[in-house]
N, C-alpha and C. Protein backbone atom coordinates (compact mmCIF):
# COMPACT_ATOMS: atom_id res chain seq x y z
N MET A 1 0.83 -1.19 0.00
CA MET A 1 0.00 0.00 0.00
C MET A 1 0.87 1.25 0.00
N ALA A 2 0.51 2.15 -0.82
CA ALA A 2 1.24 3.40 -0.88
C ALA A 2 0.72 4.35 0.20
N VAL A 3 1.56 5.27 0.58
CA VAL A 3 1.18 6.24 1.60
C VAL A 3 0.01 7.09 1.12
N ARG A 4 0.00 7.40 -0.14
CA ARG A 4 -1.09 8.20 -0.72
C ARG A 4 -2.43 7.48 -0.56
N GLU A 5 -2.43 6.18 -0.74
CA GLU A 5 -3.67 5.41 -0.58
C GLU A 5 -4.11 5.36 0.88
N ILE A 6 -3.16 5.30 1.79
CA ILE A 6 -3.50 5.24 3.21
C ILE A 6 -4.16 6.54 3.65
N PHE A 7 -3.61 7.67 3.22
CA PHE A 7 -4.13 8.97 3.64
C PHE A 7 -5.34 9.42 2.82
N ALA A 8 -5.71 8.71 1.76
CA ALA A 8 -6.80 9.14 0.90
C ALA A 8 -8.13 9.20 1.63
N GLY A 9 -8.39 8.26 2.52
CA GLY A 9 -9.67 8.24 3.20
C GLY A 9 -9.68 8.98 4.53
N MET A 10 -8.58 9.59 4.90
CA MET A 10 -8.49 10.26 6.20
C MET A 10 -9.04 11.69 6.12
N PRO A 11 -9.58 12.19 7.23
CA PRO A 11 -10.00 13.59 7.25
C PRO A 11 -8.80 14.54 7.14
N TRP A 12 -9.06 15.78 6.77
CA TRP A 12 -7.99 16.75 6.55
C TRP A 12 -7.18 17.01 7.81
N TRP A 13 -7.83 16.99 8.96
CA TRP A 13 -7.12 17.32 10.20
C TRP A 13 -6.12 16.25 10.59
N VAL A 14 -6.33 15.02 10.13
CA VAL A 14 -5.37 13.95 10.41
C VAL A 14 -4.09 14.21 9.62
N LYS A 15 -4.25 14.59 8.35
CA LYS A 15 -3.09 14.81 7.49
C LYS A 15 -2.32 16.06 7.87
N TRP A 16 -3.01 17.13 8.24
CA TRP A 16 -2.36 18.42 8.40
C TRP A 16 -2.15 18.84 9.86
N ILE A 17 -2.74 18.13 10.82
CA ILE A 17 -2.56 18.49 12.22
C ILE A 17 -2.01 17.32 13.03
N ALA A 18 -2.68 16.18 12.99
CA ALA A 18 -2.30 15.05 13.85
C ALA A 18 -0.94 14.45 13.46
N VAL A 19 -0.72 14.22 12.18
CA VAL A 19 0.53 13.59 11.74
C VAL A 19 1.74 14.49 12.01
N PRO A 20 1.69 15.79 11.70
CA PRO A 20 2.85 16.64 12.06
C PRO A 20 3.10 16.72 13.56
N ILE A 21 2.05 16.73 14.37
CA ILE A 21 2.23 16.76 15.83
C ILE A 21 2.90 15.48 16.31
N ILE A 22 2.47 14.35 15.79
CA ILE A 22 3.10 13.07 16.16
C ILE A 22 4.56 13.05 15.72
N ALA A 23 4.84 13.56 14.54
CA ALA A 23 6.23 13.61 14.06
C ALA A 23 7.09 14.49 14.95
N ILE A 24 6.55 15.62 15.39
CA ILE A 24 7.32 16.51 16.27
C ILE A 24 7.56 15.85 17.62
N VAL A 25 6.56 15.15 18.14
CA VAL A 25 6.73 14.46 19.42
C VAL A 25 7.79 13.36 19.30
N VAL A 26 7.73 12.59 18.23
CA VAL A 26 8.65 11.47 18.07
C VAL A 26 10.06 11.94 17.74
N PHE A 27 10.18 12.88 16.80
CA PHE A 27 11.49 13.32 16.32
C PHE A 27 11.89 14.68 16.87
N GLY A 28 11.21 15.18 17.89
CA GLY A 28 11.48 16.51 18.41
C GLY A 28 12.90 16.70 18.89
N GLY A 29 13.44 15.71 19.61
CA GLY A 29 14.82 15.82 20.09
C GLY A 29 15.82 15.86 18.96
N LEU A 30 15.60 15.05 17.95
CA LEU A 30 16.49 15.03 16.79
C LEU A 30 16.42 16.36 16.04
N ILE A 31 15.22 16.87 15.84
CA ILE A 31 15.06 18.14 15.15
C ILE A 31 15.73 19.26 15.93
N ALA A 32 15.55 19.27 17.25
CA ALA A 32 16.16 20.31 18.08
C ALA A 32 17.69 20.22 18.05
N SER A 33 18.24 19.02 18.09
CA SER A 33 19.69 18.90 18.07
C SER A 33 20.27 19.30 16.72
N VAL A 34 19.60 18.98 15.63
CA VAL A 34 20.07 19.39 14.31
C VAL A 34 20.01 20.91 14.17
N LEU A 35 18.90 21.51 14.62
CA LEU A 35 18.78 22.97 14.57
C LEU A 35 19.84 23.63 15.44
N GLY A 36 20.08 23.08 16.62
CA GLY A 36 21.11 23.62 17.50
C GLY A 36 22.48 23.55 16.87
N PHE A 37 22.78 22.43 16.21
CA PHE A 37 24.07 22.27 15.53
C PHE A 37 24.23 23.29 14.41
N VAL A 38 23.18 23.45 13.60
CA VAL A 38 23.25 24.38 12.46
C VAL A 38 23.40 25.82 12.95
N ILE A 39 22.63 26.20 13.97
CA ILE A 39 22.72 27.56 14.50
C ILE A 39 24.09 27.79 15.12
N GLY A 40 24.60 26.81 15.86
CA GLY A 40 25.94 26.93 16.44
C GLY A 40 27.01 27.06 15.37
N LEU A 41 26.89 26.28 14.30
CA LEU A 41 27.85 26.36 13.21
C LEU A 41 27.81 27.72 12.53
N LEU A 42 26.60 28.24 12.28
CA LEU A 42 26.48 29.57 11.67
C LEU A 42 27.06 30.65 12.58
N PHE A 43 26.85 30.51 13.89
CA PHE A 43 27.43 31.48 14.82
C PHE A 43 28.95 31.44 14.79
N LYS A 44 29.53 30.24 14.76
CA LYS A 44 30.98 30.11 14.71
C LYS A 44 31.55 30.67 13.41
N ILE A 45 30.87 30.44 12.30
CA ILE A 45 31.31 30.99 11.01
C ILE A 45 31.26 32.51 11.05
N LEU A 46 30.17 33.07 11.60
CA LEU A 46 30.06 34.52 11.71
C LEU A 46 31.14 35.09 12.60
N LEU A 47 31.41 34.44 13.72
CA LEU A 47 32.46 34.89 14.62
C LEU A 47 33.84 34.85 13.94
N PHE A 48 34.10 33.80 13.17
CA PHE A 48 35.35 33.67 12.44
C PHE A 48 35.52 34.81 11.44
N VAL A 49 34.45 35.10 10.69
CA VAL A 49 34.51 36.17 9.69
C VAL A 49 34.77 37.52 10.36
N ILE A 50 34.10 37.77 11.50
CA ILE A 50 34.31 39.03 12.22
C ILE A 50 35.74 39.14 12.73
N LEU A 51 36.28 38.06 13.29
CA LEU A 51 37.64 38.10 13.82
C LEU A 51 38.68 38.29 12.72
N VAL A 52 38.51 37.60 11.60
CA VAL A 52 39.45 37.75 10.48
C VAL A 52 39.35 39.16 9.91
N GLY A 53 38.13 39.68 9.78
CA GLY A 53 37.95 41.05 9.29
C GLY A 53 38.60 42.06 10.22
N GLY A 54 38.45 41.87 11.53
CA GLY A 54 39.09 42.75 12.50
C GLY A 54 40.60 42.68 12.42
N LEU A 55 41.13 41.48 12.25
CA LEU A 55 42.58 41.31 12.12
C LEU A 55 43.10 42.02 10.88
N VAL A 56 42.42 41.87 9.77
CA VAL A 56 42.84 42.54 8.53
C VAL A 56 42.80 44.05 8.71
N PHE A 57 41.75 44.55 9.37
CA PHE A 57 41.63 45.98 9.61
C PHE A 57 42.78 46.51 10.47
N VAL A 58 43.10 45.79 11.55
CA VAL A 58 44.18 46.22 12.44
C VAL A 58 45.52 46.17 11.72
N VAL A 59 45.77 45.13 10.96
CA VAL A 59 47.04 45.01 10.24
C VAL A 59 47.18 46.13 9.22
N ARG A 60 46.11 46.47 8.50
CA ARG A 60 46.19 47.56 7.53
C ARG A 60 46.43 48.89 8.21
N LYS A 61 45.80 49.12 9.36
CA LYS A 61 46.02 50.37 10.09
C LYS A 61 47.48 50.48 10.55
N VAL A 62 48.01 49.39 11.08
CA VAL A 62 49.40 49.40 11.56
C VAL A 62 50.37 49.57 10.39
N MET A 63 50.11 48.88 9.29
CA MET A 63 51.00 48.97 8.14
C MET A 63 50.97 50.37 7.52
N SER A 64 49.81 51.01 7.50
CA SER A 64 49.73 52.34 6.89
C SER A 64 50.35 53.41 7.78
N SER A 65 50.28 53.21 9.10
CA SER A 65 50.84 54.22 10.01
C SER A 65 52.35 54.06 10.18
N SER A 66 52.87 52.86 9.94
CA SER A 66 54.32 52.64 10.15
C SER A 66 55.11 52.79 8.86
N GLY A 67 54.47 53.04 7.76
CA GLY A 67 55.21 53.24 6.52
C GLY A 67 55.22 52.01 5.62
N GLY A 68 54.67 50.93 6.04
CA GLY A 68 54.50 49.78 5.16
C GLY A 68 55.56 48.72 5.26
N GLY A 69 56.53 48.80 6.14
CA GLY A 69 57.54 47.76 6.22
C GLY A 69 57.68 47.22 7.61
N TRP A 70 58.23 46.02 7.70
CA TRP A 70 58.42 45.43 9.04
C TRP A 70 59.73 45.89 9.59
């Protein structure tokens, strides 16, 4: 039996309310951990970009004020 055939005779609220709620209850921890990982990774990437940009800015300021040589 295909999934489409199983859901064909069901009311709309089963397909659009009950099934997603059951999925969230069953897979909620997995979904939360994946979202947490993705958000943490994006935060670390953003922090890396800010730190590298700050380093480049400081190095350019120092190089321009000292005449450009070590």
